[in-house]
Amino acid sequence: MTSAFSRVGGCDLCRAARITPWYHEDEVCWIAECDVCDVPMVVWRWHGTAPPPAHLEHMHARLRDVAIVELGEHYVDDHMRNIPDHWHAHARPRDGFFGVRRARR
């Protein structure tokens, strides 16, 4: 199934550089702390904006698992602001946008 998907050399999310703490990784996605907003962010391992439904379900479930531990009550924000051509989503605190460390700055 994944052989039909591709990665793009210049894409920061395809590169998957470990610049912040990582919470999860598998063959579909990885979850790390977003370096902009300090919340868990799930990233599809393949370049594009339309993961198949099974991948979306998997990624939302893994993000939920991490977010419950890291944030407690949360919502999923899948608006791709800074990198609009590679699917990713953030778990945000229930009444906020940034993570706890950023909110304290």
PDB file of N, CA and C in Angstrom:
ATOM      1  N   MET A   1       0.826  -1.207   0.000  1.00  0.00           N
ATOM      2  CA  MET A   1       0.000   0.000   0.000  1.00  0.00           C
ATOM      3  C   MET A   1       0.863   1.262   0.000  1.00  0.00           C
ATOM      4  N   THR A   2       1.875   1.340   0.832  1.00  0.00           N
ATOM      5  CA  THR A   2       2.660   2.560   0.931  1.00  0.00           C
ATOM      6  C   THR A   2       3.569   2.790  -0.268  1.00  0.00           C
ATOM      7  N   SER A   3       3.761   1.801  -1.130  1.00  0.00           N
ATOM      8  CA  SER A   3       4.638   1.993  -2.269  1.00  0.00           C
ATOM      9  C   SER A   3       4.101   3.049  -3.236  1.00  0.00           C
ATOM     10  N   ALA A   4       2.816   3.341  -3.200  1.00  0.00           N
ATOM     11  CA  ALA A   4       2.223   4.360  -4.070  1.00  0.00           C
ATOM     12  C   ALA A   4       2.469   5.768  -3.534  1.00  0.00           C
ATOM     13  N   PHE A   5       2.925   5.897  -2.323  1.00  0.00           N
ATOM     14  CA  PHE A   5       3.148   7.197  -1.706  1.00  0.00           C
ATOM     15  C   PHE A   5       4.598   7.627  -1.911  1.00  0.00           C
ATOM     16  N   SER A   6       4.835   8.925  -1.815  1.00  0.00           N
ATOM     17  CA  SER A   6       6.191   9.421  -2.039  1.00  0.00           C
ATOM     18  C   SER A   6       6.605  10.394  -0.945  1.00  0.00           C
ATOM     19  N   ARG A   7       7.885  10.703  -0.958  1.00  0.00           N
ATOM     20  CA  ARG A   7       8.455  11.710  -0.073  1.00  0.00           C
ATOM     21  C   ARG A   7       9.141  12.750  -0.946  1.00  0.00           C
ATOM     22  N   VAL A   8       9.213  13.971  -0.449  1.00  0.00           N
ATOM     23  CA  VAL A   8       9.821  15.067  -1.196  1.00  0.00           C
ATOM     24  C   VAL A   8      11.075  15.519  -0.455  1.00  0.00           C
ATOM     25  N   GLY A   9      12.181  15.577  -1.169  1.00  0.00           N
ATOM     26  CA  GLY A   9      13.475  15.885  -0.557  1.00  0.00           C
ATOM     27  C   GLY A   9      13.541  17.186   0.220  1.00  0.00           C
ATOM     28  N   GLY A  10      12.913  18.252  -0.240  1.00  0.00           N
ATOM     29  CA  GLY A  10      13.004  19.545   0.421  1.00  0.00           C
ATOM     30  C   GLY A  10      11.951  19.789   1.485  1.00  0.00           C
ATOM     31  N   CYS A  11      11.109  18.812   1.757  1.00  0.00           N
ATOM     32  CA  CYS A  11      10.020  18.990   2.731  1.00  0.00           C
ATOM     33  C   CYS A  11      10.512  18.693   4.146  1.00  0.00           C
ATOM     34  N   ASP A  12      10.348  19.668   5.037  1.00  0.00           N
ATOM     35  CA  ASP A  12      10.772  19.482   6.427  1.00  0.00           C
ATOM     36  C   ASP A  12      10.063  18.312   7.099  1.00  0.00           C
ATOM     37  N   LEU A  13       8.795  18.106   6.792  1.00  0.00           N
ATOM     38  CA  LEU A  13       8.051  17.025   7.441  1.00  0.00           C
ATOM     39  C   LEU A  13       8.435  15.661   6.866  1.00  0.00           C
ATOM     40  N   CYS A  14       8.714  15.577   5.572  1.00  0.00           N
ATOM     41  CA  CYS A  14       9.208  14.321   4.992  1.00  0.00           C
ATOM     42  C   CYS A  14      10.560  13.946   5.600  1.00  0.00           C
ATOM     43  N   ARG A  15      11.371  14.958   5.846  1.00  0.00           N
ATOM     44  CA  ARG A  15      12.705  14.732   6.412  1.00  0.00           C
ATOM     45  C   ARG A  15      12.621  14.167   7.827  1.00  0.00           C
ATOM     46  N   ALA A  16      11.596  14.552   8.567  1.00  0.00           N
ATOM     47  CA  ALA A  16      11.359  14.034   9.929  1.00  0.00           C
ATOM     48  C   ALA A  16      12.566  14.213  10.842  1.00  0.00           C
ATOM     49  N   ALA A  17      13.155  15.391  10.799  1.00  0.00           N
ATOM     50  CA  ALA A  17      14.299  15.682  11.667  1.00  0.00           C
ATOM     51  C   ALA A  17      13.848  15.694  13.128  1.00  0.00           C
ATOM     52  N   ARG A  18      14.624  15.116  13.974  1.00  0.00           N
ATOM     53  CA  ARG A  18      14.295  15.043  15.405  1.00  0.00           C
ATOM     54  C   ARG A  18      14.825  16.290  16.109  1.00  0.00           C
ATOM     55  N   ILE A  19      14.084  17.386  15.986  1.00  0.00           N
ATOM     56  CA  ILE A  19      14.509  18.647  16.597  1.00  0.00           C
ATOM     57  C   ILE A  19      13.749  18.956  17.881  1.00  0.00           C
ATOM     58  N   THR A  20      12.694  18.239  18.151  1.00  0.00           N
ATOM     59  CA  THR A  20      11.919  18.374  19.387  1.00  0.00           C
ATOM     60  C   THR A  20      11.644  16.974  19.931  1.00  0.00           C
ATOM     61  N   PRO A  21      11.130  16.872  21.155  1.00  0.00           N
ATOM     62  CA  PRO A  21      10.823  15.539  21.686  1.00  0.00           C
ATOM     63  C   PRO A  21       9.804  14.787  20.813  1.00  0.00           C
ATOM     64  N   TRP A  22      10.055  13.498  20.640  1.00  0.00           N
ATOM     65  CA  TRP A  22       9.143  12.623  19.896  1.00  0.00           C
ATOM     66  C   TRP A  22       8.356  11.783  20.887  1.00  0.00           C
ATOM     67  N   TYR A  23       7.089  11.553  20.565  1.00  0.00           N
ATOM     68  CA  TYR A  23       6.199  10.779  21.425  1.00  0.00           C
ATOM     69  C   TYR A  23       5.831   9.427  20.826  1.00  0.00           C
ATOM     70  N   HIS A  24       5.873   9.323  19.491  1.00  0.00           N
ATOM     71  CA  HIS A  24       5.405   8.099  18.832  1.00  0.00           C
ATOM     72  C   HIS A  24       5.958   8.070  17.410  1.00  0.00           C
ATOM     73  N   GLU A  25       6.194   6.858  16.910  1.00  0.00           N
ATOM     74  CA  GLU A  25       6.476   6.687  15.484  1.00  0.00           C
ATOM     75  C   GLU A  25       6.123   5.265  15.081  1.00  0.00           C
ATOM     76  N   ASP A  26       5.638   5.130  13.856  1.00  0.00           N
ATOM     77  CA  ASP A  26       5.344   3.832  13.270  1.00  0.00           C
ATOM     78  C   ASP A  26       5.412   3.974  11.759  1.00  0.00           C
ATOM     79  N   GLU A  27       4.914   2.986  11.047  1.00  0.00           N
ATOM     80  CA  GLU A  27       5.038   2.998   9.594  1.00  0.00           C
ATOM     81  C   GLU A  27       4.113   4.004   8.906  1.00  0.00           C
ATOM     82  N   VAL A  28       3.126   4.551   9.624  1.00  0.00           N
ATOM     83  CA  VAL A  28       2.170   5.498   9.050  1.00  0.00           C
ATOM     84  C   VAL A  28       2.495   6.942   9.421  1.00  0.00           C
ATOM     85  N   CYS A  29       2.953   7.157  10.645  1.00  0.00           N
ATOM     86  CA  CYS A  29       3.110   8.533  11.127  1.00  0.00           C
ATOM     87  C   CYS A  29       4.167   8.637  12.210  1.00  0.00           C
ATOM     88  N   TRP A  30       4.442   9.874  12.553  1.00  0.00           N
ATOM     89  CA  TRP A  30       5.241  10.171  13.737  1.00  0.00           C
ATOM     90  C   TRP A  30       4.585  11.330  14.469  1.00  0.00           C
ATOM     91  N   ILE A  31       4.810  11.389  15.778  1.00  0.00           N
ATOM     92  CA  ILE A  31       4.245  12.454  16.607  1.00  0.00           C
ATOM     93  C   ILE A  31       5.376  13.053  17.419  1.00  0.00           C
ATOM     94  N   ALA A  32       5.501  14.363  17.302  1.00  0.00           N
ATOM     95  CA  ALA A  32       6.526  15.099  18.035  1.00  0.00           C
ATOM     96  C   ALA A  32       5.929  16.405  18.527  1.00  0.00           C
ATOM     97  N   GLU A  33       6.657  17.068  19.405  1.00  0.00           N
ATOM     98  CA  GLU A  33       6.231  18.391  19.859  1.00  0.00           C
ATOM     99  C   GLU A  33       6.474  19.383  18.719  1.00  0.00           C
ATOM    100  N   CYS A  34       5.468  20.150  18.379  1.00  0.00           N
ATOM    101  CA  CYS A  34       5.607  21.170  17.337  1.00  0.00           C
ATOM    102  C   CYS A  34       6.589  22.226  17.818  1.00  0.00           C
ATOM    103  N   ASP A  35       7.575  22.564  16.986  1.00  0.00           N
ATOM    104  CA  ASP A  35       8.587  23.541  17.400  1.00  0.00           C
ATOM    105  C   ASP A  35       8.064  24.969  17.392  1.00  0.00           C
ATOM    106  N   VAL A  36       6.892  25.204  16.846  1.00  0.00           N
ATOM    107  CA  VAL A  36       6.295  26.538  16.829  1.00  0.00           C
ATOM    108  C   VAL A  36       5.347  26.735  18.007  1.00  0.00           C
ATOM    109  N   CYS A  37       4.505  25.732  18.281  1.00  0.00           N
ATOM    110  CA  CYS A  37       3.459  25.957  19.287  1.00  0.00           C
ATOM    111  C   CYS A  37       3.501  25.033  20.499  1.00  0.00           C
ATOM    112  N   ASP A  38       4.514  24.169  20.595  1.00  0.00           N
ATOM    113  CA  ASP A  38       4.714  23.345  21.793  1.00  0.00           C
ATOM    114  C   ASP A  38       3.537  22.434  22.128  1.00  0.00           C
ATOM    115  N   VAL A  39       2.916  21.858  21.128  1.00  0.00           N
ATOM    116  CA  VAL A  39       1.858  20.870  21.341  1.00  0.00           C
ATOM    117  C   VAL A  39       2.189  19.630  20.512  1.00  0.00           C
ATOM    118  N   PRO A  40       1.618  18.485  20.860  1.00  0.00           N
ATOM    119  CA  PRO A  40       1.849  17.297  20.040  1.00  0.00           C
ATOM    120  C   PRO A  40       1.308  17.497  18.620  1.00  0.00           C
ATOM    121  N   MET A  41       2.103  17.062  17.660  1.00  0.00           N
ATOM    122  CA  MET A  41       1.742  17.191  16.251  1.00  0.00           C
ATOM    123  C   MET A  41       1.970  15.841  15.578  1.00  0.00           C
ATOM    124  N   VAL A  42       0.943  15.335  14.906  1.00  0.00           N
ATOM    125  CA  VAL A  42       1.071  14.089  14.162  1.00  0.00           C
ATOM    126  C   VAL A  42       1.363  14.424  12.705  1.00  0.00           C
ATOM    127  N   VAL A  43       2.289  13.677  12.122  1.00  0.00           N
ATOM    128  CA  VAL A  43       2.711  13.919  10.742  1.00  0.00           C
ATOM    129  C   VAL A  43       2.625  12.611   9.961  1.00  0.00           C
ATOM    130  N   TRP A  44       1.943  12.670   8.836  1.00  0.00           N
ATOM    131  CA  TRP A  44       1.873  11.527   7.924  1.00  0.00           C
ATOM    132  C   TRP A  44       3.250  11.314   7.319  1.00  0.00           C
ATOM    133  N   ARG A  45       3.713  10.110   7.257  1.00  0.00           N
ATOM    134  CA  ARG A  45       5.056   9.825   6.751  1.00  0.00           C
ATOM    135  C   ARG A  45       5.202  10.056   5.248  1.00  0.00           C
ATOM    136  N   TRP A  46       4.115  10.305   4.550  1.00  0.00           N
ATOM    137  CA  TRP A  46       4.139  10.444   3.098  1.00  0.00           C
ATOM    138  C   TRP A  46       3.726  11.846   2.705  1.00  0.00           C
ATOM    139  N   HIS A  47       4.306  12.362   1.650  1.00  0.00           N
ATOM    140  CA  HIS A  47       4.029  13.727   1.215  1.00  0.00           C
ATOM    141  C   HIS A  47       2.666  13.807   0.528  1.00  0.00           C
ATOM    142  N   GLY A  48       1.918  14.835   0.885  1.00  0.00           N
ATOM    143  CA  GLY A  48       0.604  15.062   0.293  1.00  0.00           C
ATOM    144  C   GLY A  48      -0.383  15.527   1.342  1.00  0.00           C
ATOM    145  N   THR A  49      -1.570  15.866   0.902  1.00  0.00           N
ATOM    146  CA  THR A  49      -2.571  16.415   1.824  1.00  0.00           C
ATOM    147  C   THR A  49      -3.807  15.544   1.967  1.00  0.00           C
ATOM    148  N   ALA A  50      -3.791  14.361   1.374  1.00  0.00           N
ATOM    149  CA  ALA A  50      -4.986  13.512   1.403  1.00  0.00           C
ATOM    150  C   ALA A  50      -4.640  12.070   1.765  1.00  0.00           C
ATOM    151  N   PRO A  51      -4.309  11.832   3.036  1.00  0.00           N
ATOM    152  CA  PRO A  51      -4.051  10.448   3.439  1.00  0.00           C
ATOM    153  C   PRO A  51      -5.323   9.608   3.267  1.00  0.00           C
ATOM    154  N   PRO A  52      -5.159   8.324   3.013  1.00  0.00           N
ATOM    155  CA  PRO A  52      -6.335   7.464   2.919  1.00  0.00           C
ATOM    156  C   PRO A  52      -7.071   7.417   4.262  1.00  0.00           C
ATOM    157  N   PRO A  53      -8.369   7.136   4.235  1.00  0.00           N
ATOM    158  CA  PRO A  53      -9.160   7.112   5.480  1.00  0.00           C
ATOM    159  C   PRO A  53      -8.576   6.233   6.584  1.00  0.00           C
ATOM    160  N   ALA A  54      -8.041   5.089   6.244  1.00  0.00           N
ATOM    161  CA  ALA A  54      -7.462   4.213   7.280  1.00  0.00           C
ATOM    162  C   ALA A  54      -6.264   4.876   7.954  1.00  0.00           C
ATOM    163  N   HIS A  55      -5.455   5.603   7.183  1.00  0.00           N
ATOM    164  CA  HIS A  55      -4.313   6.314   7.759  1.00  0.00           C
ATOM    165  C   HIS A  55      -4.793   7.461   8.652  1.00  0.00           C
ATOM    166  N   LEU A  56      -5.804   8.198   8.204  1.00  0.00           N
ATOM    167  CA  LEU A  56      -6.349   9.289   9.037  1.00  0.00           C
ATOM    168  C   LEU A  56      -6.866   8.763  10.363  1.00  0.00           C
ATOM    169  N   GLU A  57      -7.611   7.686  10.310  1.00  0.00           N
ATOM    170  CA  GLU A  57      -8.147   7.102  11.542  1.00  0.00           C
ATOM    171  C   GLU A  57      -7.015   6.690  12.476  1.00  0.00           C
ATOM    172  N   HIS A  58      -6.007   6.052  11.924  1.00  0.00           N
ATOM    173  CA  HIS A  58      -4.846   5.625  12.708  1.00  0.00           C
ATOM    174  C   HIS A  58      -4.144   6.826  13.340  1.00  0.00           C
ATOM    175  N   MET A  59      -3.888   7.868  12.533  1.00  0.00           N
ATOM    176  CA  MET A  59      -3.158   9.035  13.032  1.00  0.00           C
ATOM    177  C   MET A  59      -3.948   9.788  14.092  1.00  0.00           C
ATOM    178  N   HIS A  60      -5.253   9.930  13.900  1.00  0.00           N
ATOM    179  CA  HIS A  60      -6.075  10.604  14.910  1.00  0.00           C
ATOM    180  C   HIS A  60      -6.075   9.820  16.219  1.00  0.00           C
ATOM    181  N   ALA A  61      -6.119   8.490  16.131  1.00  0.00           N
ATOM    182  CA  ALA A  61      -6.099   7.658  17.345  1.00  0.00           C
ATOM    183  C   ALA A  61      -4.771   7.795  18.083  1.00  0.00           C
ATOM    184  N   ARG A  62      -3.658   7.748  17.353  1.00  0.00           N
ATOM    185  CA  ARG A  62      -2.348   7.888  18.001  1.00  0.00           C
ATOM    186  C   ARG A  62      -2.179   9.284  18.595  1.00  0.00           C
ATOM    187  N   LEU A  63      -2.628  10.319  17.889  1.00  0.00           N
ATOM    188  CA  LEU A  63      -2.545  11.679  18.428  1.00  0.00           C
ATOM    189  C   LEU A  63      -3.380  11.809  19.688  1.00  0.00           C
ATOM    190  N   ARG A  64      -4.552  11.219  19.681  1.00  0.00           N
ATOM    191  CA  ARG A  64      -5.418  11.248  20.873  1.00  0.00           C
ATOM    192  C   ARG A  64      -4.711  10.587  22.056  1.00  0.00           C
ATOM    193  N   ASP A  65      -4.074   9.441  21.823  1.00  0.00           N
ATOM    194  CA  ASP A  65      -3.359   8.743  22.901  1.00  0.00           C
ATOM    195  C   ASP A  65      -2.282   9.637  23.529  1.00  0.00           C
ATOM    196  N   VAL A  66      -1.512  10.309  22.692  1.00  0.00           N
ATOM    197  CA  VAL A  66      -0.441  11.181  23.179  1.00  0.00           C
ATOM    198  C   VAL A  66      -1.028  12.426  23.849  1.00  0.00           C
ATOM    199  N   ALA A  67      -2.019  13.039  23.227  1.00  0.00           N
ATOM    200  CA  ALA A  67      -2.582  14.298  23.735  1.00  0.00           C
ATOM    201  C   ALA A  67      -3.238  14.134  25.099  1.00  0.00           C
ATOM    202  N   ILE A  68      -3.867  13.020  25.333  1.00  0.00           N
ATOM    203  CA  ILE A  68      -4.495  12.794  26.639  1.00  0.00           C
ATOM    204  C   ILE A  68      -3.434  12.841  27.742  1.00  0.00           C
ATOM    205  N   VAL A  69      -2.293  12.256  27.487  1.00  0.00           N
ATOM    206  CA  VAL A  69      -1.204  12.257  28.474  1.00  0.00           C
ATOM    207  C   VAL A  69      -0.571  13.638  28.589  1.00  0.00           C
ATOM    208  N   GLU A  70      -0.295  14.274  27.459  1.00  0.00           N
ATOM    209  CA  GLU A  70       0.437  15.544  27.450  1.00  0.00           C
ATOM    210  C   GLU A  70      -0.421  16.767  27.762  1.00  0.00           C
ATOM    211  N   LEU A  71      -1.688  16.755  27.343  1.00  0.00           N
ATOM    212  CA  LEU A  71      -2.529  17.953  27.467  1.00  0.00           C
ATOM    213  C   LEU A  71      -3.802  17.756  28.276  1.00  0.00           C
ATOM    214  N   GLY A  72      -4.248  16.542  28.412  1.00  0.00           N
ATOM    215  CA  GLY A  72      -5.570  16.315  29.005  1.00  0.00           C
ATOM    216  C   GLY A  72      -6.629  16.613  27.955  1.00  0.00           C
ATOM    217  N   GLU A  73      -7.608  17.418  28.327  1.00  0.00           N
ATOM    218  CA  GLU A  73      -8.649  17.762  27.363  1.00  0.00           C
ATOM    219  C   GLU A  73      -8.037  18.551  26.212  1.00  0.00           C
ATOM    220  N   HIS A  74      -8.444  18.211  25.006  1.00  0.00           N
ATOM    221  CA  HIS A  74      -7.828  18.814  23.827  1.00  0.00           C
ATOM    222  C   HIS A  74      -8.792  18.745  22.641  1.00  0.00           C
ATOM    223  N   TYR A  75      -8.391  19.406  21.582  1.00  0.00           N
ATOM    224  CA  TYR A  75      -9.092  19.276  20.309  1.00  0.00           C
ATOM    225  C   TYR A  75      -8.039  19.107  19.220  1.00  0.00           C
ATOM    226  N   VAL A  76      -8.453  18.562  18.094  1.00  0.00           N
ATOM    227  CA  VAL A  76      -7.543  18.356  16.977  1.00  0.00           C
ATOM    228  C   VAL A  76      -7.697  19.508  15.995  1.00  0.00           C
ATOM    229  N   ASP A  77      -6.585  20.132  15.690  1.00  0.00           N
ATOM    230  CA  ASP A  77      -6.529  21.236  14.735  1.00  0.00           C
ATOM    231  C   ASP A  77      -5.769  20.730  13.516  1.00  0.00           C
ATOM    232  N   ASP A  78      -6.484  20.505  12.421  1.00  0.00           N
ATOM    233  CA  ASP A  78      -5.818  19.989  11.224  1.00  0.00           C
ATOM    234  C   ASP A  78      -5.692  21.038  10.115  1.00  0.00           C
ATOM    235  N   HIS A  79      -5.740  22.310  10.514  1.00  0.00           N
ATOM    236  CA  HIS A  79      -5.499  23.383   9.560  1.00  0.00           C
ATOM    237  C   HIS A  79      -3.985  23.513   9.375  1.00  0.00           C
ATOM    238  N   MET A  80      -3.509  23.271   8.183  1.00  0.00           N
ATOM    239  CA  MET A  80      -2.065  23.234   7.918  1.00  0.00           C
ATOM    240  C   MET A  80      -1.580  24.630   7.532  1.00  0.00           C
ATOM    241  N   ARG A  81      -1.215  25.408   8.515  1.00  0.00           N
ATOM    242  CA  ARG A  81      -0.858  26.816   8.312  1.00  0.00           C
ATOM    243  C   ARG A  81       0.509  27.014   7.663  1.00  0.00           C
ATOM    244  N   ASN A  82       1.550  26.560   8.307  1.00  0.00           N
ATOM    245  CA  ASN A  82       2.920  26.855   7.871  1.00  0.00           C
ATOM    246  C   ASN A  82       3.444  25.898   6.808  1.00  0.00           C
ATOM    247  N   ILE A  83       2.946  24.690   6.784  1.00  0.00           N
ATOM    248  CA  ILE A  83       3.362  23.706   5.781  1.00  0.00           C
ATOM    249  C   ILE A  83       2.080  23.135   5.166  1.00  0.00           C
ATOM    250  N   PRO A  84       1.531  23.832   4.165  1.00  0.00           N
ATOM    251  CA  PRO A  84       0.220  23.465   3.630  1.00  0.00           C
ATOM    252  C   PRO A  84       0.212  22.282   2.662  1.00  0.00           C
ATOM    253  N   ASP A  85       1.391  21.760   2.295  1.00  0.00           N
ATOM    254  CA  ASP A  85       1.405  20.692   1.296  1.00  0.00           C
ATOM    255  C   ASP A  85       1.778  19.313   1.854  1.00  0.00           C
ATOM    256  N   HIS A  86       1.826  19.188   3.177  1.00  0.00           N
ATOM    257  CA  HIS A  86       2.129  17.893   3.808  1.00  0.00           C
ATOM    258  C   HIS A  86       1.178  17.728   4.992  1.00  0.00           C
ATOM    259  N   TRP A  87       0.356  16.678   4.966  1.00  0.00           N
ATOM    260  CA  TRP A  87      -0.675  16.516   5.987  1.00  0.00           C
ATOM    261  C   TRP A  87      -0.056  16.365   7.375  1.00  0.00           C
ATOM    262  N   HIS A  88      -0.588  17.150   8.296  1.00  0.00           N
ATOM    263  CA  HIS A  88      -0.235  17.059   9.710  1.00  0.00           C
ATOM    264  C   HIS A  88      -1.373  17.692  10.510  1.00  0.00           C
ATOM    265  N   ALA A  89      -1.424  17.381  11.777  1.00  0.00           N
ATOM    266  CA  ALA A  89      -2.457  17.940  12.651  1.00  0.00           C
ATOM    267  C   ALA A  89      -1.877  18.127  14.045  1.00  0.00           C
ATOM    268  N   HIS A  90      -2.404  19.120  14.739  1.00  0.00           N
ATOM    269  CA  HIS A  90      -1.960  19.431  16.098  1.00  0.00           C
ATOM    270  C   HIS A  90      -3.047  19.067  17.102  1.00  0.00           C
ATOM    271  N   ALA A  91      -2.629  18.637  18.278  1.00  0.00           N
ATOM    272  CA  ALA A  91      -3.542  18.502  19.416  1.00  0.00           C
ATOM    273  C   ALA A  91      -3.354  19.759  20.243  1.00  0.00           C
ATOM    274  N   ARG A  92      -4.415  20.482  20.463  1.00  0.00           N
ATOM    275  CA  ARG A  92      -4.319  21.751  21.177  1.00  0.00           C
ATOM    276  C   ARG A  92      -5.070  21.662  22.504  1.00  0.00           C
ATOM    277  N   PRO A  93      -4.608  22.394  23.527  1.00  0.00           N
ATOM    278  CA  PRO A  93      -5.323  22.394  24.811  1.00  0.00           C
ATOM    279  C   PRO A  93      -6.765  22.851  24.607  1.00  0.00           C
ATOM    280  N   ARG A  94      -7.669  22.285  25.368  1.00  0.00           N
ATOM    281  CA  ARG A  94      -9.100  22.544  25.207  1.00  0.00           C
ATOM    282  C   ARG A  94      -9.425  24.014  25.034  1.00  0.00           C
ATOM    283  N   ASP A  95      -8.881  24.882  25.829  1.00  0.00           N
ATOM    284  CA  ASP A  95      -9.212  26.306  25.769  1.00  0.00           C
ATOM    285  C   ASP A  95      -8.063  27.154  25.248  1.00  0.00           C
ATOM    286  N   GLY A  96      -7.208  26.564  24.428  1.00  0.00           N
ATOM    287  CA  GLY A  96      -6.055  27.330  23.991  1.00  0.00           C
ATOM    288  C   GLY A  96      -5.552  26.918  22.631  1.00  0.00           C
ATOM    289  N   PHE A  97      -4.383  27.431  22.333  1.00  0.00           N
ATOM    290  CA  PHE A  97      -3.764  27.184  21.040  1.00  0.00           C
ATOM    291  C   PHE A  97      -2.340  26.656  21.225  1.00  0.00           C
ATOM    292  N   PHE A  98      -1.579  27.266  22.136  1.00  0.00           N
ATOM    293  CA  PHE A  98      -0.196  26.884  22.383  1.00  0.00           C
ATOM    294  C   PHE A  98      -0.100  25.921  23.551  1.00  0.00           C
ATOM    295  N   GLY A  99       1.038  25.223  23.624  1.00  0.00           N
ATOM    296  CA  GLY A  99       1.300  24.325  24.736  1.00  0.00           C
ATOM    297  C   GLY A  99       1.624  25.088  25.997  1.00  0.00           C
ATOM    298  N   VAL A 100       1.739  24.382  27.085  1.00  0.00           N
ATOM    299  CA  VAL A 100       1.949  24.980  28.409  1.00  0.00           C
ATOM    300  C   VAL A 100       3.237  25.793  28.464  1.00  0.00           C
ATOM    301  N   ARG A 101       4.346  25.257  27.955  1.00  0.00           N
ATOM    302  CA  ARG A 101       5.615  25.988  28.004  1.00  0.00           C
ATOM    303  C   ARG A 101       5.520  27.307  27.243  1.00  0.00           C
ATOM    304  N   ARG A 102       4.904  27.307  26.089  1.00  0.00           N
ATOM    305  CA  ARG A 102       4.789  28.535  25.293  1.00  0.00           C
ATOM    306  C   ARG A 102       3.866  29.529  25.996  1.00  0.00           C
ATOM    307  N   ALA A 103       2.784  29.056  26.586  1.00  0.00           N
ATOM    308  CA  ALA A 103       1.835  29.947  27.276  1.00  0.00           C
ATOM    309  C   ALA A 103       2.489  30.656  28.450  1.00  0.00           C
ATOM    310  N   ARG A 104       3.497  30.030  29.062  1.00  0.00           N
ATOM    311  CA  ARG A 104       4.180  30.627  30.230  1.00  0.00           C
ATOM    312  C   ARG A 104       5.212  31.661  29.831  1.00  0.00           C
ATOM    313  N   ARG A 105       5.618  31.692  28.563  1.00  0.00           N
ATOM    314  CA  ARG A 105       6.671  32.623  28.109  1.00  0.00           C
ATOM    315  C   ARG A 105       6.191  34.044  28.145  1.00  0.00           C
TER     316      ARG A 105
END
